């Protein structure tokens, strides 16, 4: 998922995606331990998507704080 796609989503949609990705990451890690994981690179993709979402949420939080301080 690209960051430009994520920036168009609302905060609640981003939080929902974050929850879904964290659940998926848990399941992927569990599959990796049990030897059932088909695509090991998927773990890295999910981690990067989580980081992108967290970055966008933090940027919005900081920009909101700056606007309130003025």
C-alpha atoms as a PDB file:
ATOM      1  CA  UNK A   1       0.000   0.000   0.000  1.00  0.00           C
ATOM      2  CA  UNK A   2       1.352   3.414  -0.913  1.00  0.00           C
ATOM      3  CA  UNK A   3       1.555   6.346   1.464  1.00  0.00           C
ATOM      4  CA  UNK A   4      -0.400   8.540  -0.974  1.00  0.00           C
ATOM      5  CA  UNK A   5      -3.308   6.083  -0.761  1.00  0.00           C
ATOM      6  CA  UNK A   6      -3.174   6.122   3.020  1.00  0.00           C
ATOM      7  CA  UNK A   7      -3.140   9.914   3.280  1.00  0.00           C
ATOM      8  CA  UNK A   8      -6.585  10.060   1.676  1.00  0.00           C
ATOM      9  CA  UNK A   9      -8.107   7.954   4.464  1.00  0.00           C
ATOM     10  CA  UNK A  10      -9.691   9.333   7.602  1.00  0.00           C
ATOM     11  CA  UNK A  11      -8.161   8.819  11.029  1.00  0.00           C
ATOM     12  CA  UNK A  12     -10.718   6.180  11.996  1.00  0.00           C
ATOM     13  CA  UNK A  13     -10.076   4.269   8.767  1.00  0.00           C
ATOM     14  CA  UNK A  14      -6.335   4.414   9.422  1.00  0.00           C
ATOM     15  CA  UNK A  15      -6.812   3.119  12.955  1.00  0.00           C
ATOM     16  CA  UNK A  16      -8.955   0.264  11.640  1.00  0.00           C
ATOM     17  CA  UNK A  17      -6.322  -0.623   9.021  1.00  0.00           C
ATOM     18  CA  UNK A  18      -3.655  -0.502  11.722  1.00  0.00           C
ATOM     19  CA  UNK A  19      -5.619  -2.961  13.865  1.00  0.00           C
ATOM     20  CA  UNK A  20      -6.143  -5.256  10.873  1.00  0.00           C
ATOM     21  CA  UNK A  21      -2.465  -5.172   9.926  1.00  0.00           C
ATOM     22  CA  UNK A  22      -1.357  -5.895  13.490  1.00  0.00           C
ATOM     23  CA  UNK A  23      -3.690  -8.892  13.560  1.00  0.00           C
ATOM     24  CA  UNK A  24      -2.335 -10.049  10.212  1.00  0.00           C
ATOM     25  CA  UNK A  25       1.245  -9.647  11.450  1.00  0.00           C
ATOM     26  CA  UNK A  26       0.447 -11.749  14.507  1.00  0.00           C
ATOM     27  CA  UNK A  27      -1.045 -14.462  12.307  1.00  0.00           C
ATOM     28  CA  UNK A  28       1.917 -14.356   9.915  1.00  0.00           C
ATOM     29  CA  UNK A  29       4.374 -14.700  12.782  1.00  0.00           C
ATOM     30  CA  UNK A  30       2.381 -17.616  14.131  1.00  0.00           C
ATOM     31  CA  UNK A  31       2.413 -19.277  10.698  1.00  0.00           C
ATOM     32  CA  UNK A  32       6.170 -18.709  10.434  1.00  0.00           C
ATOM     33  CA  UNK A  33       6.774 -20.455  13.745  1.00  0.00           C
ATOM     34  CA  UNK A  34       4.595 -23.417  12.836  1.00  0.00           C
ATOM     35  CA  UNK A  35       6.163 -23.698   9.379  1.00  0.00           C
ATOM     36  CA  UNK A  36       2.981 -22.926   7.449  1.00  0.00           C
ATOM     37  CA  UNK A  37       4.006 -19.531   6.054  1.00  0.00           C
ATOM     38  CA  UNK A  38       3.912 -19.521   2.263  1.00  0.00           C
ATOM     39  CA  UNK A  39       5.443 -16.114   1.582  1.00  0.00           C
ATOM     40  CA  UNK A  40       7.981 -14.973   4.213  1.00  0.00           C
ATOM     41  CA  UNK A  41       8.368 -11.551   2.551  1.00  0.00           C
ATOM     42  CA  UNK A  42       4.764 -10.751   3.457  1.00  0.00           C
ATOM     43  CA  UNK A  43       5.883 -10.129   7.053  1.00  0.00           C
ATOM     44  CA  UNK A  44       8.177  -7.313   5.893  1.00  0.00           C
ATOM     45  CA  UNK A  45       5.445  -5.771   3.727  1.00  0.00           C
ATOM     46  CA  UNK A  46       3.002  -5.754   6.642  1.00  0.00           C
ATOM     47  CA  UNK A  47       5.589  -4.223   8.989  1.00  0.00           C
ATOM     48  CA  UNK A  48       6.270  -1.433   6.497  1.00  0.00           C
ATOM     49  CA  UNK A  49       2.553  -0.763   6.036  1.00  0.00           C
ATOM     50  CA  UNK A  50       2.173  -0.494   9.817  1.00  0.00           C
ATOM     51  CA  UNK A  51       5.066   1.976   9.933  1.00  0.00           C
ATOM     52  CA  UNK A  52       3.528   4.049   7.130  1.00  0.00           C
ATOM     53  CA  UNK A  53       0.185   4.272   8.925  1.00  0.00           C
ATOM     54  CA  UNK A  54       1.823   5.195  12.228  1.00  0.00           C
ATOM     55  CA  UNK A  55       3.879   7.880  10.487  1.00  0.00           C
ATOM     56  CA  UNK A  56       0.814   9.433   8.864  1.00  0.00           C
ATOM     57  CA  UNK A  57      -1.099   9.393  12.161  1.00  0.00           C
ATOM     58  CA  UNK A  58       1.833  11.053  13.954  1.00  0.00           C
ATOM     59  CA  UNK A  59       2.161  13.708  11.218  1.00  0.00           C
ATOM     60  CA  UNK A  60      -1.530  14.535  11.561  1.00  0.00           C
ATOM     61  CA  UNK A  61      -1.215  14.680  15.342  1.00  0.00           C
ATOM     62  CA  UNK A  62       1.720  17.084  15.178  1.00  0.00           C
ATOM     63  CA  UNK A  63       0.159  19.300  12.531  1.00  0.00           C
ATOM     64  CA  UNK A  64      -3.011  19.474  14.639  1.00  0.00           C
ATOM     65  CA  UNK A  65      -1.009  20.525  17.699  1.00  0.00           C
ATOM     66  CA  UNK A  66       0.753  23.256  15.757  1.00  0.00           C
ATOM     67  CA  UNK A  67      -2.550  24.650  14.547  1.00  0.00           C
ATOM     68  CA  UNK A  68      -3.991  24.688  18.083  1.00  0.00           C
ATOM     69  CA  UNK A  69      -0.943  26.466  19.527  1.00  0.00           C
ATOM     70  CA  UNK A  70      -1.218  29.435  17.140  1.00  0.00           C
END
